[in-house]
């Protein structure tokens, strides 16, 4: 079975536009809505962690993931290496 290819560039660009638009809306809104925007940090971090987990499940190395994240291999493993595929 061949490797599955998923195009995510346009999807991530769409998410980026939505988040930026949310920032603009919050800038014109009540202050409590700022905390709602801030809560997206946790969602983004969870999405990154899931992405790393998926890449590890596909057999990608910590070096590959670290490079993609713009950090050292060891830093990537220390930060995201908590799941069942954390080793190696």
PDB file of N, CA and C in Angstrom:
ATOM      1  N   UNK A   1       0.857  -1.184   0.000  1.00  0.00           N
ATOM      2  CA  UNK A   1       0.000   0.000   0.000  1.00  0.00           C
ATOM      3  C   UNK A   1       0.898   1.240   0.000  1.00  0.00           C
ATOM      4  N   UNK A   2       0.606   2.196  -0.879  1.00  0.00           N
ATOM      5  CA  UNK A   2       1.402   3.409  -0.984  1.00  0.00           C
ATOM      6  C   UNK A   2       1.105   4.390   0.130  1.00  0.00           C
ATOM      7  N   UNK A   3       2.010   5.337   0.260  1.00  0.00           N
ATOM      8  CA  UNK A   3       1.846   6.370   1.280  1.00  0.00           C
ATOM      9  C   UNK A   3       0.699   7.304   0.901  1.00  0.00           C
ATOM     10  N   UNK A   4      -0.108   7.616   1.848  1.00  0.00           N
ATOM     11  CA  UNK A   4      -1.244   8.521   1.664  1.00  0.00           C
ATOM     12  C   UNK A   4      -0.727   9.960   1.618  1.00  0.00           C
ATOM     13  N   UNK A   5      -1.207  10.726   0.662  1.00  0.00           N
ATOM     14  CA  UNK A   5      -0.828  12.129   0.550  1.00  0.00           C
ATOM     15  C   UNK A   5      -2.050  12.989   0.819  1.00  0.00           C
ATOM     16  N   UNK A   6      -1.916  13.907   1.744  1.00  0.00           N
ATOM     17  CA  UNK A   6      -3.003  14.811   2.094  1.00  0.00           C
ATOM     18  C   UNK A   6      -2.514  16.225   1.860  1.00  0.00           C
ATOM     19  N   UNK A   7      -3.227  16.952   1.027  1.00  0.00           N
ATOM     20  CA  UNK A   7      -2.887  18.344   0.759  1.00  0.00           C
ATOM     21  C   UNK A   7      -3.514  19.210   1.838  1.00  0.00           C
ATOM     22  N   UNK A   8      -2.708  19.883   2.613  1.00  0.00           N
ATOM     23  CA  UNK A   8      -3.245  20.685   3.718  1.00  0.00           C
ATOM     24  C   UNK A   8      -2.936  22.165   3.596  1.00  0.00           C
ATOM     25  N   UNK A   9      -2.154  22.550   2.632  1.00  0.00           N
ATOM     26  CA  UNK A   9      -1.741  23.943   2.505  1.00  0.00           C
ATOM     27  C   UNK A   9      -2.913  24.907   2.419  1.00  0.00           C
ATOM     28  N   UNK A  10      -3.859  24.622   1.537  1.00  0.00           N
ATOM     29  CA  UNK A  10      -5.013  25.505   1.398  1.00  0.00           C
ATOM     30  C   UNK A  10      -5.880  25.491   2.653  1.00  0.00           C
ATOM     31  N   UNK A  11      -5.998  24.338   3.268  1.00  0.00           N
ATOM     32  CA  UNK A  11      -6.803  24.202   4.488  1.00  0.00           C
ATOM     33  C   UNK A  11      -6.208  25.044   5.618  1.00  0.00           C
ATOM     34  N   UNK A  12      -4.893  24.956   5.790  1.00  0.00           N
ATOM     35  CA  UNK A  12      -4.222  25.733   6.828  1.00  0.00           C
ATOM     36  C   UNK A  12      -4.286  27.226   6.503  1.00  0.00           C
ATOM     37  N   UNK A  13      -4.169  27.589   5.237  1.00  0.00           N
ATOM     38  CA  UNK A  13      -4.282  28.993   4.844  1.00  0.00           C
ATOM     39  C   UNK A  13      -5.678  29.525   5.185  1.00  0.00           C
ATOM     40  N   UNK A  14      -6.702  28.710   4.990  1.00  0.00           N
ATOM     41  CA  UNK A  14      -8.066  29.095   5.347  1.00  0.00           C
ATOM     42  C   UNK A  14      -8.177  29.318   6.858  1.00  0.00           C
ATOM     43  N   UNK A  15      -7.626  28.386   7.640  1.00  0.00           N
ATOM     44  CA  UNK A  15      -7.656  28.519   9.105  1.00  0.00           C
ATOM     45  C   UNK A  15      -6.934  29.790   9.533  1.00  0.00           C
ATOM     46  N   UNK A  16      -5.820  30.086   8.897  1.00  0.00           N
ATOM     47  CA  UNK A  16      -5.059  31.296   9.218  1.00  0.00           C
ATOM     48  C   UNK A  16      -5.906  32.545   8.959  1.00  0.00           C
ATOM     49  N   UNK A  17      -6.618  32.558   7.823  1.00  0.00           N
ATOM     50  CA  UNK A  17      -7.481  33.710   7.513  1.00  0.00           C
ATOM     51  C   UNK A  17      -8.599  33.859   8.533  1.00  0.00           C
ATOM     52  N   UNK A  18      -9.173  32.761   8.965  1.00  0.00           N
ATOM     53  CA  UNK A  18     -10.248  32.789   9.957  1.00  0.00           C
ATOM     54  C   UNK A  18      -9.728  33.342  11.285  1.00  0.00           C
ATOM     55  N   UNK A  19      -8.558  32.890  11.709  1.00  0.00           N
ATOM     56  CA  UNK A  19      -7.990  33.363  12.980  1.00  0.00           C
ATOM     57  C   UNK A  19      -7.672  34.847  12.905  1.00  0.00           C
ATOM     58  N   UNK A  20      -7.111  35.274  11.793  1.00  0.00           N
ATOM     59  CA  UNK A  20      -6.818  36.712  11.634  1.00  0.00           C
ATOM     60  C   UNK A  20      -8.101  37.532  11.648  1.00  0.00           C
ATOM     61  N   UNK A  21      -9.139  37.037  10.984  1.00  0.00           N
ATOM     62  CA  UNK A  21     -10.421  37.737  10.973  1.00  0.00           C
ATOM     63  C   UNK A  21     -11.012  37.775  12.375  1.00  0.00           C
ATOM     64  N   UNK A  22     -10.837  36.711  13.134  1.00  0.00           N
ATOM     65  CA  UNK A  22     -11.322  36.696  14.522  1.00  0.00           C
ATOM     66  C   UNK A  22     -10.617  37.770  15.332  1.00  0.00           C
ATOM     67  N   UNK A  23      -9.329  37.949  15.107  1.00  0.00           N
ATOM     68  CA  UNK A  23      -8.583  39.002  15.791  1.00  0.00           C
ATOM     69  C   UNK A  23      -9.136  40.376  15.468  1.00  0.00           C
ATOM     70  N   UNK A  24      -9.475  40.592  14.212  1.00  0.00           N
ATOM     71  CA  UNK A  24     -10.060  41.873  13.809  1.00  0.00           C
ATOM     72  C   UNK A  24     -11.416  42.095  14.471  1.00  0.00           C
ATOM     73  N   UNK A  25     -12.208  41.056  14.550  1.00  0.00           N
ATOM     74  CA  UNK A  25     -13.532  41.178  15.186  1.00  0.00           C
ATOM     75  C   UNK A  25     -13.392  41.455  16.680  1.00  0.00           C
ATOM     76  N   UNK A  26     -12.460  40.762  17.316  1.00  0.00           N
ATOM     77  CA  UNK A  26     -12.240  40.967  18.747  1.00  0.00           C
ATOM     78  C   UNK A  26     -11.752  42.385  19.003  1.00  0.00           C
ATOM     79  N   UNK A  27     -10.962  42.913  18.100  1.00  0.00           N
ATOM     80  CA  UNK A  27     -10.449  44.273  18.261  1.00  0.00           C
ATOM     81  C   UNK A  27     -11.575  45.299  18.329  1.00  0.00           C
ATOM     82  N   UNK A  28     -12.722  44.937  17.808  1.00  0.00           N
ATOM     83  CA  UNK A  28     -13.866  45.845  17.801  1.00  0.00           C
ATOM     84  C   UNK A  28     -14.965  45.397  18.759  1.00  0.00           C
ATOM     85  N   UNK A  29     -14.657  44.431  19.618  1.00  0.00           N
ATOM     86  CA  UNK A  29     -15.672  43.822  20.474  1.00  0.00           C
ATOM     87  C   UNK A  29     -15.419  44.122  21.943  1.00  0.00           C
ATOM     88  N   UNK A  30     -16.134  43.408  22.798  1.00  0.00           N
ATOM     89  CA  UNK A  30     -15.979  43.529  24.243  1.00  0.00           C
ATOM     90  C   UNK A  30     -14.719  42.806  24.707  1.00  0.00           C
ATOM     91  N   UNK A  31     -14.187  43.241  25.834  1.00  0.00           N
ATOM     92  CA  UNK A  31     -12.927  42.676  26.317  1.00  0.00           C
ATOM     93  C   UNK A  31     -13.021  41.197  26.683  1.00  0.00           C
ATOM     94  N   UNK A  32     -14.184  40.695  27.088  1.00  0.00           N
ATOM     95  CA  UNK A  32     -14.267  39.278  27.455  1.00  0.00           C
ATOM     96  C   UNK A  32     -14.040  38.382  26.243  1.00  0.00           C
ATOM     97  N   UNK A  33     -14.285  38.893  25.048  1.00  0.00           N
ATOM     98  CA  UNK A  33     -14.078  38.093  23.848  1.00  0.00           C
ATOM     99  C   UNK A  33     -12.591  37.885  23.553  1.00  0.00           C
ATOM    100  N   UNK A  34     -11.754  38.733  24.113  1.00  0.00           N
ATOM    101  CA  UNK A  34     -10.318  38.541  23.960  1.00  0.00           C
ATOM    102  C   UNK A  34      -9.902  37.209  24.574  1.00  0.00           C
ATOM    103  N   UNK A  35     -10.499  36.841  25.689  1.00  0.00           N
ATOM    104  CA  UNK A  35     -10.157  35.557  26.309  1.00  0.00           C
ATOM    105  C   UNK A  35     -10.583  34.387  25.428  1.00  0.00           C
ATOM    106  N   UNK A  36     -11.661  34.555  24.675  1.00  0.00           N
ATOM    107  CA  UNK A  36     -12.079  33.514  23.734  1.00  0.00           C
ATOM    108  C   UNK A  36     -11.025  33.332  22.644  1.00  0.00           C
ATOM    109  N   UNK A  37     -10.520  34.427  22.136  1.00  0.00           N
ATOM    110  CA  UNK A  37      -9.471  34.365  21.128  1.00  0.00           C
ATOM    111  C   UNK A  37      -8.210  33.730  21.714  1.00  0.00           C
ATOM    112  N   UNK A  38      -7.884  34.093  22.922  1.00  0.00           N
ATOM    113  CA  UNK A  38      -6.717  33.534  23.598  1.00  0.00           C
ATOM    114  C   UNK A  38      -6.842  32.024  23.771  1.00  0.00           C
ATOM    115  N   UNK A  39      -8.053  31.542  23.972  1.00  0.00           N
ATOM    116  CA  UNK A  39      -8.256  30.099  24.173  1.00  0.00           C
ATOM    117  C   UNK A  39      -7.911  29.287  22.928  1.00  0.00           C
ATOM    118  N   UNK A  40      -7.797  29.959  21.789  1.00  0.00           N
ATOM    119  CA  UNK A  40      -7.403  29.240  20.570  1.00  0.00           C
ATOM    120  C   UNK A  40      -5.977  28.703  20.660  1.00  0.00           C
ATOM    121  N   UNK A  41      -5.159  29.290  21.505  1.00  0.00           N
ATOM    122  CA  UNK A  41      -3.786  28.790  21.672  1.00  0.00           C
ATOM    123  C   UNK A  41      -3.782  27.315  22.037  1.00  0.00           C
ATOM    124  N   UNK A  42      -4.642  26.938  22.975  1.00  0.00           N
ATOM    125  CA  UNK A  42      -4.706  25.535  23.382  1.00  0.00           C
ATOM    126  C   UNK A  42      -5.146  24.647  22.223  1.00  0.00           C
ATOM    127  N   UNK A  43      -6.110  25.139  21.436  1.00  0.00           N
ATOM    128  CA  UNK A  43      -6.586  24.368  20.291  1.00  0.00           C
ATOM    129  C   UNK A  43      -5.493  24.197  19.242  1.00  0.00           C
ATOM    130  N   UNK A  44      -4.745  25.256  18.990  1.00  0.00           N
ATOM    131  CA  UNK A  44      -3.658  25.178  18.015  1.00  0.00           C
ATOM    132  C   UNK A  44      -2.570  24.230  18.514  1.00  0.00           C
ATOM    133  N   UNK A  45      -2.220  24.316  19.777  1.00  0.00           N
ATOM    134  CA  UNK A  45      -1.204  23.421  20.337  1.00  0.00           C
ATOM    135  C   UNK A  45      -1.653  21.962  20.258  1.00  0.00           C
ATOM    136  N   UNK A  46      -2.929  21.710  20.538  1.00  0.00           N
ATOM    137  CA  UNK A  46      -3.462  20.344  20.437  1.00  0.00           C
ATOM    138  C   UNK A  46      -3.421  19.857  18.985  1.00  0.00           C
ATOM    139  N   UNK A  47      -3.705  20.743  18.042  1.00  0.00           N
ATOM    140  CA  UNK A  47      -3.657  20.378  16.629  1.00  0.00           C
ATOM    141  C   UNK A  47      -2.229  20.045  16.200  1.00  0.00           C
ATOM    142  N   UNK A  48      -1.267  20.815  16.672  1.00  0.00           N
ATOM    143  CA  UNK A  48       0.139  20.539  16.356  1.00  0.00           C
ATOM    144  C   UNK A  48       0.543  19.189  16.937  1.00  0.00           C
ATOM    145  N   UNK A  49       0.168  18.946  18.186  1.00  0.00           N
ATOM    146  CA  UNK A  49       0.506  17.673  18.828  1.00  0.00           C
ATOM    147  C   UNK A  49      -0.105  16.504  18.061  1.00  0.00           C
ATOM    148  N   UNK A  50      -1.335  16.659  17.589  1.00  0.00           N
ATOM    149  CA  UNK A  50      -1.975  15.592  16.812  1.00  0.00           C
ATOM    150  C   UNK A  50      -1.262  15.404  15.484  1.00  0.00           C
ATOM    151  N   UNK A  51      -0.842  16.511  14.862  1.00  0.00           N
ATOM    152  CA  UNK A  51      -0.082  16.412  13.623  1.00  0.00           C
ATOM    153  C   UNK A  51       1.224  15.667  13.816  1.00  0.00           C
ATOM    154  N   UNK A  52       1.926  15.962  14.897  1.00  0.00           N
ATOM    155  CA  UNK A  52       3.174  15.268  15.213  1.00  0.00           C
ATOM    156  C   UNK A  52       2.895  13.782  15.439  1.00  0.00           C
ATOM    157  N   UNK A  53       1.851  13.492  16.193  1.00  0.00           N
ATOM    158  CA  UNK A  53       1.490  12.095  16.459  1.00  0.00           C
ATOM    159  C   UNK A  53       1.226  11.346  15.144  1.00  0.00           C
ATOM    160  N   UNK A  54       0.489  11.990  14.248  1.00  0.00           N
ATOM    161  CA  UNK A  54       0.202  11.367  12.960  1.00  0.00           C
ATOM    162  C   UNK A  54       1.456  11.122  12.139  1.00  0.00           C
ATOM    163  N   UNK A  55       2.362  12.084  12.135  1.00  0.00           N
ATOM    164  CA  UNK A  55       3.613  11.904  11.408  1.00  0.00           C
ATOM    165  C   UNK A  55       4.441  10.766  12.005  1.00  0.00           C
ATOM    166  N   UNK A  56       4.449  10.671  13.328  1.00  0.00           N
ATOM    167  CA  UNK A  56       5.170   9.566  13.974  1.00  0.00           C
ATOM    168  C   UNK A  56       4.529   8.227  13.614  1.00  0.00           C
ATOM    169  N   UNK A  57       3.184   8.190  13.577  1.00  0.00           N
ATOM    170  CA  UNK A  57       2.482   6.955  13.206  1.00  0.00           C
ATOM    171  C   UNK A  57       2.833   6.529  11.781  1.00  0.00           C
ATOM    172  N   UNK A  58       3.129   7.507  10.922  1.00  0.00           N
ATOM    173  CA  UNK A  58       3.524   7.210   9.541  1.00  0.00           C
ATOM    174  C   UNK A  58       4.997   6.823   9.432  1.00  0.00           C
ATOM    175  N   UNK A  59       5.714   6.905  10.543  1.00  0.00           N
ATOM    176  CA  UNK A  59       7.110   6.490  10.554  1.00  0.00           C
ATOM    177  C   UNK A  59       8.126   7.598  10.383  1.00  0.00           C
ATOM    178  N   UNK A  60       7.680   8.857  10.424  1.00  0.00           N
ATOM    179  CA  UNK A  60       8.630   9.966  10.291  1.00  0.00           C
ATOM    180  C   UNK A  60       9.499  10.071  11.543  1.00  0.00           C
ATOM    181  N   UNK A  61      10.738  10.445  11.331  1.00  0.00           N
ATOM    182  CA  UNK A  61      11.700  10.556  12.434  1.00  0.00           C
ATOM    183  C   UNK A  61      11.499  11.859  13.201  1.00  0.00           C
ATOM    184  N   UNK A  62      12.077  11.877  14.399  1.00  0.00           N
ATOM    185  CA  UNK A  62      12.059  13.110  15.188  1.00  0.00           C
ATOM    186  C   UNK A  62      12.877  14.188  14.491  1.00  0.00           C
ATOM    187  N   UNK A  63      13.891  13.794  13.733  1.00  0.00           N
ATOM    188  CA  UNK A  63      14.675  14.769  12.972  1.00  0.00           C
ATOM    189  C   UNK A  63      13.788  15.449  11.935  1.00  0.00           C
ATOM    190  N   UNK A  64      13.009  14.673  11.212  1.00  0.00           N
ATOM    191  CA  UNK A  64      12.090  15.208  10.205  1.00  0.00           C
ATOM    192  C   UNK A  64      11.093  16.170  10.842  1.00  0.00           C
ATOM    193  N   UNK A  65      10.514  15.747  11.968  1.00  0.00           N
ATOM    194  CA  UNK A  65       9.509  16.568  12.659  1.00  0.00           C
ATOM    195  C   UNK A  65      10.145  17.833  13.220  1.00  0.00           C
ATOM    196  N   UNK A  66      11.304  17.700  13.828  1.00  0.00           N
ATOM    197  CA  UNK A  66      12.000  18.867  14.360  1.00  0.00           C
ATOM    198  C   UNK A  66      12.290  19.885  13.272  1.00  0.00           C
ATOM    199  N   UNK A  67      12.746  19.409  12.127  1.00  0.00           N
ATOM    200  CA  UNK A  67      13.015  20.309  11.009  1.00  0.00           C
ATOM    201  C   UNK A  67      11.741  21.018  10.568  1.00  0.00           C
ATOM    202  N   UNK A  68      10.645  20.274  10.476  1.00  0.00           N
ATOM    203  CA  UNK A  68       9.361  20.864  10.076  1.00  0.00           C
ATOM    204  C   UNK A  68       8.891  21.924  11.074  1.00  0.00           C
ATOM    205  N   UNK A  69       9.183  21.709  12.347  1.00  0.00           N
ATOM    206  CA  UNK A  69       8.784  22.649  13.392  1.00  0.00           C
ATOM    207  C   UNK A  69       9.776  23.791  13.582  1.00  0.00           C
ATOM    208  N   UNK A  70      10.942  23.669  12.964  1.00  0.00           N
ATOM    209  CA  UNK A  70      11.971  24.697  13.112  1.00  0.00           C
ATOM    210  C   UNK A  70      12.700  24.626  14.441  1.00  0.00           C
ATOM    211  N   UNK A  71      12.742  23.403  15.011  1.00  0.00           N
ATOM    212  CA  UNK A  71      13.437  23.190  16.284  1.00  0.00           C
ATOM    213  C   UNK A  71      14.330  21.961  16.161  1.00  0.00           C
ATOM    214  N   UNK A  72      15.163  21.741  17.170  1.00  0.00           N
ATOM    215  CA  UNK A  72      16.038  20.565  17.172  1.00  0.00           C
ATOM    216  C   UNK A  72      15.228  19.291  17.358  1.00  0.00           C
ATOM    217  N   UNK A  73      15.780  18.196  16.849  1.00  0.00           N
ATOM    218  CA  UNK A  73      15.157  16.883  16.998  1.00  0.00           C
ATOM    219  C   UNK A  73      14.856  16.587  18.457  1.00  0.00           C
ATOM    220  N   UNK A  74      15.829  16.822  19.315  1.00  0.00           N
ATOM    221  CA  UNK A  74      15.664  16.529  20.733  1.00  0.00           C
ATOM    222  C   UNK A  74      14.558  17.381  21.347  1.00  0.00           C
ATOM    223  N   UNK A  75      14.477  18.643  20.953  1.00  0.00           N
ATOM    224  CA  UNK A  75      13.422  19.522  21.475  1.00  0.00           C
ATOM    225  C   UNK A  75      12.041  19.032  21.041  1.00  0.00           C
ATOM    226  N   UNK A  76      11.936  18.597  19.794  1.00  0.00           N
ATOM    227  CA  UNK A  76      10.657  18.068  19.307  1.00  0.00           C
ATOM    228  C   UNK A  76      10.253  16.833  20.094  1.00  0.00           C
ATOM    229  N   UNK A  77      11.201  15.943  20.316  1.00  0.00           N
ATOM    230  CA  UNK A  77      10.903  14.708  21.045  1.00  0.00           C
ATOM    231  C   UNK A  77      10.539  15.001  22.496  1.00  0.00           C
ATOM    232  N   UNK A  78      11.242  15.932  23.120  1.00  0.00           N
ATOM    233  CA  UNK A  78      10.939  16.282  24.510  1.00  0.00           C
ATOM    234  C   UNK A  78       9.553  16.917  24.636  1.00  0.00           C
ATOM    235  N   UNK A  79       9.197  17.746  23.669  1.00  0.00           N
ATOM    236  CA  UNK A  79       7.926  18.461  23.751  1.00  0.00           C
ATOM    237  C   UNK A  79       6.732  17.600  23.358  1.00  0.00           C
ATOM    238  N   UNK A  80       6.891  16.774  22.318  1.00  0.00           N
ATOM    239  CA  UNK A  80       5.744  16.048  21.772  1.00  0.00           C
ATOM    240  C   UNK A  80       5.843  14.532  21.931  1.00  0.00           C
ATOM    241  N   UNK A  81       6.914  14.039  22.504  1.00  0.00           N
ATOM    242  CA  UNK A  81       7.122  12.593  22.587  1.00  0.00           C
ATOM    243  C   UNK A  81       6.466  11.953  23.787  1.00  0.00           C
ATOM    244  N   UNK A  82       5.165  12.078  23.905  1.00  0.00           N
ATOM    245  CA  UNK A  82       4.462  11.504  25.044  1.00  0.00           C
ATOM    246  C   UNK A  82       3.547  10.348  24.662  1.00  0.00           C
ATOM    247  N   UNK A  83       3.290  10.177  23.372  1.00  0.00           N
ATOM    248  CA  UNK A  83       2.336   9.175  22.924  1.00  0.00           C
ATOM    249  C   UNK A  83       2.957   7.802  22.755  1.00  0.00           C
ATOM    250  N   UNK A  84       2.190   6.858  22.191  1.00  0.00           N
ATOM    251  CA  UNK A  84       2.657   5.487  22.034  1.00  0.00           C
ATOM    252  C   UNK A  84       3.801   5.353  21.061  1.00  0.00           C
ATOM    253  N   UNK A  85       3.972   6.306  20.139  1.00  0.00           N
ATOM    254  CA  UNK A  85       5.053   6.262  19.160  1.00  0.00           C
ATOM    255  C   UNK A  85       6.183   7.218  19.518  1.00  0.00           C
ATOM    256  N   UNK A  86       6.331   7.510  20.785  1.00  0.00           N
ATOM    257  CA  UNK A  86       7.287   8.524  21.229  1.00  0.00           C
ATOM    258  C   UNK A  86       8.736   8.085  21.060  1.00  0.00           C
ATOM    259  N   UNK A  87       9.017   6.835  21.201  1.00  0.00           N
ATOM    260  CA  UNK A  87      10.400   6.370  21.149  1.00  0.00           C
ATOM    261  C   UNK A  87      10.991   6.386  19.765  1.00  0.00           C
ATOM    262  N   UNK A  88      12.245   5.959  19.680  1.00  0.00           N
ATOM    263  CA  UNK A  88      12.991   5.787  18.426  1.00  0.00           C
ATOM    264  C   UNK A  88      13.326   7.091  17.786  1.00  0.00           C
TER     265      UNK A  88
END
